[in-house]
Amino acid sequence: MAIDVRDLTKTFGANRVVDRVSFRIEPGELVALLGPSGGGKSTVLRMIAGLETPDAGSVWLHGKDATYARVQDRAIGFVFQHYALFRHMTVRQNIAFGLDVRKRPKAEIERTVGELLDLMQLEGLGDRYPTQLSGGQRQRVALARALAPKPDLLLLDEPFGALDAKVRLELREWIRRLHKERGLTGVFVTHDQEEAMDLAGRVIVLHRGKVEQIGKPEEIYDKPATEFVASFVGSINVLSGKVKDGQASLGSLAVHAPPGTGNGASVRAFVRPYDVELSAHPPSSKRALFEASSPPSGTAASPVATGLIERMSRVGGVVKMELRLADGQPLSVEIAKDRAQELGLVEGDRVLVNLKDAKVFVQDYAI
């Protein structure tokens, strides 16, 4: 099922929670609506499902205007964060509920429920009640119930939010496998960046009711279109400065300013912790890299600055550090464990710091 969302707008009281949101989802895509709480994600999802009516704009399903279509006419499966299972019904009855409402033949209902119990690895649990299940099992029952009527579109609203980390990882694998096996079009709401980047083929970033960026996970991460996306997605250092003679001066560091940026322009450079390079000695032959003609925006404009390692911690194969630059600015750094061992770094050491890459924004727009 293809989904076209066109200029959707929704206001609650004086608060415009969705502001002219537009996007298209192709058949078979799995797309994440990512953003902070209150950004409008769930409201957009509910308008696609028909659980909310937009003040303006439209929702098109299968190439037809479905803005005011009844929920039951949209061929949609919806999974809520808190399961919404019927406590007085068994697992088998919960899964069969949508089929019973549609008055499907008894043999079809039994066959479908049996297939879904097997698919979700809930064999032997069909006669239990929701209170007798774990959180992960209950969410799998909710997924099975949504899939039972064979919907063309699966919508999930923070489906893993109430679960612990291990169960969330397991259910992400379930969703990934279901999407691959069934070819369903899926849209899920999350504020968890890792969840969105891991599961979705494309990510729609929403903030204050507006679309900030739409793209593949790697595009969202590596090429943020706005300052909000750069700061919201992933760990980031933010360095402020001014432009002079083609260089964005960021205290004791500098990067090449975007071409055409005038002297005195204010800039903010967003630097991933892994895009900071550390060395115990000055680079021997790197200056030629910085003297190339028309260097890319965000590449280093000066070889090194000096930093003091205030804190170090190891997480798996990565060593995380908190540095204090000579000008007083803090800087988060991530380097490979082997590199840290090679340099022999410990807390209290002084190191030379170089920026390998940065995303530079001038006056609220990206260059």
Protein backbone atom coordinates (compact mmCIF):
# COMPACT_ATOMS: atom_id res chain seq x y z
CA MET A 1 0.00 0.00 0.00
CA ALA A 2 1.32 3.43 -0.96
CA ILE A 3 0.68 6.27 1.49
CA ASP A 4 0.53 9.93 0.53
CA VAL A 5 0.34 12.43 3.37
CA ARG A 6 -0.38 15.91 2.02
CA ASP A 7 -0.09 19.05 4.15
CA LEU A 8 -1.58 17.40 7.24
CA THR A 9 -2.38 19.91 9.98
CA LYS A 10 -3.82 19.30 13.43
CA THR A 11 -4.39 21.69 16.32
CA PHE A 12 -5.35 20.87 19.89
CA GLY A 13 -6.54 24.05 21.60
CA ALA A 14 -3.94 26.72 20.89
CA ASN A 15 -1.23 24.15 20.14
CA ARG A 16 -0.58 23.22 16.52
CA VAL A 17 0.86 19.74 16.96
CA VAL A 18 1.10 18.89 13.25
CA ASP A 19 1.98 21.68 10.83
CA ARG A 20 1.58 20.98 7.10
CA VAL A 21 3.32 17.61 7.15
CA SER A 22 3.81 15.93 3.77
CA PHE A 23 5.54 12.72 2.71
CA ARG A 24 5.06 9.64 0.54
CA ILE A 25 5.68 6.02 1.52
CA GLU A 26 6.05 3.45 -1.24
CA PRO A 27 4.50 -0.04 -1.09
CA GLY A 28 6.65 -2.42 0.94
CA GLU A 29 8.64 0.29 2.72
CA LEU A 30 9.29 0.26 6.46
CA VAL A 31 9.51 3.89 7.60
CA ALA A 32 10.20 5.41 11.02
CA LEU A 33 8.65 8.62 12.32
CA LEU A 34 11.44 9.81 14.62
CA GLY A 35 11.48 12.75 16.99
CA PRO A 36 11.21 13.91 20.59
CA SER A 37 8.06 13.61 22.67
CA GLY A 38 5.44 16.15 21.64
CA GLY A 39 6.80 16.42 18.11
CA GLY A 40 3.58 15.25 16.42
CA LYS A 41 4.63 11.71 15.48
CA SER A 42 1.77 9.80 17.09
CA THR A 43 -0.80 12.32 15.90
CA VAL A 44 0.37 11.85 12.30
CA LEU A 45 0.14 8.07 12.73
CA ARG A 46 -3.36 8.32 14.20
CA MET A 47 -4.51 10.49 11.29
CA ILE A 48 -3.19 7.87 8.83
CA ALA A 49 -5.13 5.24 10.78
CA GLY A 50 -8.31 7.33 10.91
CA LEU A 51 -8.24 7.65 14.71
CA GLU A 52 -7.84 11.44 14.40
CA THR A 53 -9.33 13.78 11.81
CA PRO A 54 -7.01 16.45 10.39
CA ASP A 55 -7.96 20.12 10.47
CA ALA A 56 -6.46 20.46 7.00
CA GLY A 57 -4.63 18.32 4.48
CA SER A 58 -5.33 14.80 3.31
CA VAL A 59 -4.32 11.15 3.59
CA TRP A 60 -4.25 9.05 0.42
CA LEU A 61 -4.16 5.24 0.54
CA HIS A 62 -4.00 3.06 -2.57
CA GLY A 63 -4.13 6.28 -4.62
CA LYS A 64 -7.51 7.24 -3.15
CA ASP A 65 -8.39 10.03 -0.74
CA ALA A 66 -8.98 8.25 2.58
CA THR A 67 -8.93 11.32 4.83
CA TYR A 68 -12.45 10.70 6.10
CA ALA A 69 -12.69 6.97 5.44
CA ARG A 70 -13.78 4.80 8.36
CA VAL A 71 -11.05 3.02 10.30
CA GLN A 72 -12.44 -0.39 9.37
CA ASP A 73 -12.32 0.48 5.67
CA ARG A 74 -8.59 1.29 5.59
CA ALA A 75 -7.10 -2.25 5.74
CA ILE A 76 -4.73 -1.17 8.51
CA GLY A 77 -3.26 -3.04 11.47
CA PHE A 78 -2.41 -0.87 14.49
CA VAL A 79 -0.14 -1.84 17.40
CA PHE A 80 -0.12 0.38 20.48
CA GLN A 81 2.70 0.84 22.97
CA HIS A 82 0.74 -0.68 25.84
CA TYR A 83 -0.57 -3.75 23.95
CA ALA A 84 -4.29 -2.95 24.48
CA LEU A 85 -5.03 -6.67 24.81
CA PHE A 86 -8.39 -7.84 26.13
CA ARG A 87 -7.59 -9.18 29.59
CA HIS A 88 -10.72 -11.33 29.76
CA MET A 89 -9.79 -13.11 26.51
CA THR A 90 -7.18 -15.81 25.96
CA VAL A 91 -4.25 -15.33 23.60
CA ARG A 92 -6.10 -17.28 20.93
CA GLN A 93 -9.25 -15.16 21.36
CA ASN A 94 -7.25 -11.92 21.25
CA ILE A 95 -5.59 -12.88 17.99
CA ALA A 96 -8.92 -13.97 16.49
CA PHE A 97 -10.77 -10.81 17.53
CA GLY A 98 -10.47 -8.91 14.24
CA LEU A 99 -11.47 -11.98 12.25
CA ASP A 100 -14.48 -12.60 14.50
CA VAL A 101 -15.64 -9.01 14.01
CA ARG A 102 -15.39 -9.49 10.24
CA LYS A 103 -17.36 -12.74 10.58
CA ARG A 104 -14.76 -14.86 8.79
CA PRO A 105 -15.42 -18.60 8.52
CA LYS A 106 -14.48 -20.55 11.64
CA ALA A 107 -12.03 -22.77 9.74
CA GLU A 108 -10.23 -19.72 8.36
CA ILE A 109 -10.02 -18.17 11.82
CA GLU A 110 -8.57 -21.34 13.36
CA ARG A 111 -6.05 -21.72 10.54
CA THR A 112 -4.92 -18.07 10.70
CA VAL A 113 -4.61 -18.06 14.50
CA GLY A 114 -2.60 -21.29 14.40
CA GLU A 115 -0.24 -19.88 11.76
CA LEU A 116 0.32 -16.70 13.77
CA LEU A 117 0.91 -18.60 17.01
CA ASP A 118 3.64 -20.54 15.18
CA LEU A 119 5.06 -17.43 13.49
CA MET A 120 5.30 -15.54 16.77
CA GLN A 121 6.63 -18.57 18.67
CA LEU A 122 3.61 -18.55 20.96
CA GLU A 123 2.86 -22.25 20.53
CA GLY A 124 1.36 -23.70 23.69
CA LEU A 125 0.30 -20.28 24.98
CA GLY A 126 -2.99 -19.98 23.09
CA ASP A 127 -5.14 -20.72 26.14
CA ARG A 128 -3.32 -18.36 28.50
CA TYR A 129 -4.55 -14.91 29.46
CA PRO A 130 -2.48 -11.72 28.99
CA THR A 131 -1.71 -11.51 32.71
CA GLN A 132 0.05 -14.88 32.45
CA LEU A 133 2.49 -13.64 29.78
CA SER A 134 5.73 -11.67 29.83
CA GLY A 135 5.89 -8.18 28.32
CA GLY A 136 7.57 -9.45 25.17
CA GLN A 137 4.99 -12.21 24.75
CA ARG A 138 2.12 -9.73 25.18
CA GLN A 139 3.57 -7.46 22.51
CA ARG A 140 3.91 -10.43 20.15
CA VAL A 141 0.23 -11.23 20.77
CA ALA A 142 -0.61 -7.62 19.91
CA LEU A 143 1.39 -7.94 16.68
CA ALA A 144 -0.33 -11.22 15.82
CA ARG A 145 -3.76 -9.66 16.43
CA ALA A 146 -2.88 -6.75 14.12
CA LEU A 147 -1.65 -9.12 11.41
CA ALA A 148 -4.56 -11.58 11.59
CA PRO A 149 -6.90 -9.69 9.20
CA LYS A 150 -4.01 -9.50 6.67
CA PRO A 151 -3.76 -5.69 6.58
CA ASP A 152 -2.11 -3.84 3.70
CA LEU A 153 -0.48 -1.44 6.16
CA LEU A 154 0.96 -1.97 9.64
CA LEU A 155 1.19 1.03 11.99
CA LEU A 156 3.12 0.79 15.26
CA ASP A 157 3.04 3.53 17.90
CA GLU A 158 6.13 3.27 20.16
CA PRO A 159 5.74 -0.53 20.06
CA PHE A 160 8.78 -1.25 22.24
CA GLY A 161 8.63 1.67 24.66
CA ALA A 162 7.34 -0.28 27.66
CA LEU A 163 9.82 -3.15 27.33
CA ASP A 164 13.30 -3.73 28.70
CA ALA A 165 16.36 -3.44 26.45
CA LYS A 166 16.82 -7.17 25.74
CA VAL A 167 13.17 -7.70 24.81
CA ARG A 168 13.23 -4.60 22.60
CA LEU A 169 16.13 -6.05 20.62
CA GLU A 170 14.31 -9.36 20.20
CA LEU A 171 11.12 -7.68 19.00
CA ARG A 172 13.05 -5.53 16.55
CA GLU A 173 14.24 -8.76 14.98
CA TRP A 174 10.62 -9.97 14.84
CA ILE A 175 9.50 -6.81 13.04
CA ARG A 176 12.40 -6.98 10.62
CA ARG A 177 11.64 -10.61 9.77
CA LEU A 178 7.90 -10.03 9.45
CA HIS A 179 8.47 -7.10 7.14
CA LYS A 180 10.82 -9.13 4.96
CA GLU A 181 8.61 -12.23 4.83
CA ARG A 182 5.28 -10.50 4.31
CA GLY A 183 6.34 -7.45 2.29
CA LEU A 184 4.06 -5.25 4.38
CA THR A 185 4.15 -1.49 4.20
CA GLY A 186 4.96 -0.38 7.74
CA VAL A 187 5.20 2.89 9.66
CA PHE A 188 6.40 3.03 13.24
CA VAL A 189 6.72 5.88 15.69
CA THR A 190 9.75 6.09 17.95
CA HIS A 191 11.90 8.55 19.84
CA ASP A 192 14.70 5.96 19.99
CA GLN A 193 17.31 6.85 17.38
CA GLU A 194 18.96 3.42 17.42
CA GLU A 195 15.59 1.77 16.85
CA ALA A 196 14.84 4.00 13.87
CA MET A 197 18.30 3.63 12.33
CA ASP A 198 18.34 -0.14 12.81
CA LEU A 199 14.87 -0.99 11.51
CA ALA A 200 13.75 1.59 8.99
CA GLY A 201 14.60 1.85 5.32
CA ARG A 202 13.83 5.55 5.56
CA VAL A 203 13.45 7.93 8.48
CA ILE A 204 11.16 10.96 8.75
CA VAL A 205 12.39 13.33 11.48
CA LEU A 206 9.61 15.41 13.06
CA HIS A 207 10.07 18.32 15.46
CA ARG A 208 7.44 20.73 16.74
CA GLY A 209 4.95 19.37 14.25
CA LYS A 210 7.11 19.88 11.17
CA VAL A 211 9.22 17.62 8.98
CA GLU A 212 12.89 18.39 9.55
CA GLN A 213 14.33 15.81 7.16
CA ILE A 214 13.43 12.67 5.21
CA GLY A 215 16.09 10.21 4.14
CA LYS A 216 17.83 6.90 4.57
CA PRO A 217 19.31 6.33 8.04
CA GLU A 218 22.85 7.01 6.84
CA GLU A 219 21.75 10.28 5.21
CA ILE A 220 20.03 11.43 8.38
CA TYR A 221 23.12 10.59 10.41
CA ASP A 222 25.90 11.77 8.09
CA LYS A 223 24.19 14.63 6.26
CA PRO A 224 21.78 16.34 8.68
CA ALA A 225 19.72 19.00 6.93
CA THR A 226 19.10 21.16 10.00
CA GLU A 227 20.73 21.97 13.31
CA PHE A 228 17.95 20.09 15.09
CA VAL A 229 18.63 16.86 13.18
CA ALA A 230 22.38 17.21 13.76
CA SER A 231 21.88 17.66 17.50
CA PHE A 232 19.06 15.12 17.96
CA VAL A 233 20.44 12.16 16.03
CA GLY A 234 23.52 10.60 17.60
CA SER A 235 26.15 12.01 19.94
CA ILE A 236 27.50 15.37 18.88
CA ASN A 237 29.86 18.18 19.82
CA VAL A 238 28.64 21.70 19.09
CA LEU A 239 31.31 24.36 18.58
CA SER A 240 30.40 28.00 17.95
CA GLY A 241 32.52 30.57 16.17
CA LYS A 242 32.92 33.27 13.54
CA VAL A 243 34.09 33.24 9.94
CA LYS A 244 37.22 35.10 8.89
CA ASP A 245 39.01 34.80 5.54
CA GLY A 246 37.27 31.56 4.62
CA GLN A 247 37.86 29.87 7.94
CA ALA A 248 35.33 29.18 10.67
CA SER A 249 37.24 29.89 13.86
CA LEU A 250 35.96 27.66 16.66
CA GLY A 251 38.11 28.78 19.53
CA SER A 252 41.37 26.86 19.36
CA LEU A 253 40.10 24.79 16.41
CA ALA A 254 39.07 25.81 12.91
CA VAL A 255 37.36 24.31 9.88
CA HIS A 256 36.92 25.59 6.36
CA ALA A 257 33.82 27.75 6.09
CA PRO A 258 31.31 27.12 3.30
CA PRO A 259 32.28 28.93 0.08
CA GLY A 260 30.88 32.44 -0.07
CA THR A 261 30.38 32.85 3.67
CA GLY A 262 31.27 36.43 4.56
CA ASN A 263 33.61 37.58 7.28
CA GLY A 264 31.93 37.92 10.66
CA ALA A 265 29.20 35.36 9.95
CA SER A 266 28.25 33.31 13.00
CA VAL A 267 28.57 29.55 12.60
CA ARG A 268 27.94 26.40 14.58
CA ALA A 269 29.95 23.30 13.75
CA PHE A 270 28.54 19.89 14.65
CA VAL A 271 31.24 17.26 15.15
CA ARG A 272 30.69 13.55 15.83
CA PRO A 273 32.93 12.20 18.61
CA TYR A 274 34.48 9.70 16.18
CA ASP A 275 35.37 12.55 13.80
CA VAL A 276 37.90 13.90 16.29
CA GLU A 277 41.46 12.72 15.72
CA LEU A 278 43.95 12.50 18.58
CA SER A 279 47.72 12.22 18.45
CA ALA A 280 50.55 12.34 20.94
CA HIS A 281 52.79 14.20 18.49
CA PRO A 282 52.11 16.82 15.81
CA PRO A 283 51.09 15.33 12.44
CA SER A 284 54.18 15.14 10.28
CA SER A 285 52.84 15.87 6.83
CA LYS A 286 49.20 16.90 7.08
CA ARG A 287 49.51 20.60 6.28
CA ALA A 288 49.32 19.87 2.55
CA LEU A 289 45.83 18.51 3.12
CA PHE A 290 44.71 21.83 4.56
CA GLU A 291 46.23 23.95 1.76
CA ALA A 292 44.33 22.30 -1.09
CA SER A 293 42.27 24.64 -3.24
CA SER A 294 38.49 24.88 -2.57
CA PRO A 295 38.50 22.51 0.42
CA PRO A 296 35.15 21.03 1.47
CA SER A 297 33.15 22.82 4.13
CA GLY A 298 33.77 21.28 7.54
CA THR A 299 37.26 19.92 6.86
CA ALA A 300 40.04 21.03 9.17
CA ALA A 301 41.60 24.43 8.53
CA SER A 302 44.37 24.21 11.11
CA PRO A 303 46.44 21.15 12.02
CA VAL A 304 45.90 20.77 15.76
CA ALA A 305 44.75 22.15 19.08
CA THR A 306 45.74 21.00 22.55
CA GLY A 307 43.39 19.14 24.87
CA LEU A 308 43.49 17.63 28.36
CA ILE A 309 41.92 14.19 28.91
CA GLU A 310 39.63 14.65 31.91
CA ARG A 311 37.83 11.31 31.76
CA MET A 312 38.17 7.99 29.93
CA SER A 313 35.92 4.94 29.77
CA ARG A 314 35.91 1.84 27.62
CA VAL A 315 32.72 0.53 26.02
CA GLY A 316 33.46 -2.65 24.09
CA GLY A 317 36.03 -1.88 21.41
CA VAL A 318 35.64 1.88 21.79
CA VAL A 319 37.31 4.24 24.24
CA LYS A 320 35.24 7.31 25.11
CA MET A 321 36.96 10.44 26.38
CA GLU A 322 35.97 13.84 27.69
CA LEU A 323 38.56 16.47 26.77
CA ARG A 324 39.02 20.08 27.81
CA LEU A 325 40.55 22.17 25.04
CA ALA A 326 43.11 24.87 25.76
CA ASP A 327 40.40 27.52 25.23
CA GLY A 328 38.18 25.85 27.87
CA GLN A 329 35.69 24.17 25.51
CA PRO A 330 34.67 20.57 26.32
CA LEU A 331 34.98 17.95 23.59
CA SER A 332 33.71 14.36 23.50
CA VAL A 333 35.90 11.90 21.62
CA GLU A 334 35.56 8.25 20.61
CA ILE A 335 38.52 6.26 19.30
CA ALA A 336 39.21 2.58 18.76
CA LYS A 337 40.59 0.68 21.74
CA ASP A 338 43.67 -0.33 19.74
CA ARG A 339 44.39 3.30 18.84
CA ALA A 340 44.09 4.38 22.47
CA GLN A 341 46.49 1.62 23.51
CA GLU A 342 48.89 2.55 20.73
CA LEU A 343 48.99 6.14 22.00
CA GLY A 344 49.25 4.95 25.61
CA LEU A 345 46.63 7.46 26.74
CA VAL A 346 45.50 7.84 30.34
CA GLU A 347 43.44 10.42 32.19
CA GLY A 348 45.42 13.61 32.74
CA ASP A 349 47.38 13.32 29.48
CA ARG A 350 47.59 16.22 27.07
CA VAL A 351 46.93 15.36 23.43
CA LEU A 352 46.86 17.06 20.06
CA VAL A 353 43.37 17.40 18.61
CA ASN A 354 42.29 17.64 14.98
CA LEU A 355 38.80 17.63 13.43
CA LYS A 356 38.41 15.16 10.58
CA ASP A 357 34.90 16.30 9.65
CA ALA A 358 32.20 18.71 10.77
CA LYS A 359 28.76 19.84 9.62
CA VAL A 360 28.73 23.64 9.49
CA PHE A 361 25.54 25.68 9.80
CA VAL A 362 25.31 29.42 9.16
CA GLN A 363 22.31 31.46 10.39
CA ASP A 364 20.07 28.41 10.81
CA TYR A 365 20.61 26.88 7.39
CA ALA A 366 22.93 24.13 6.29
CA ILE A 367 25.65 24.57 3.73
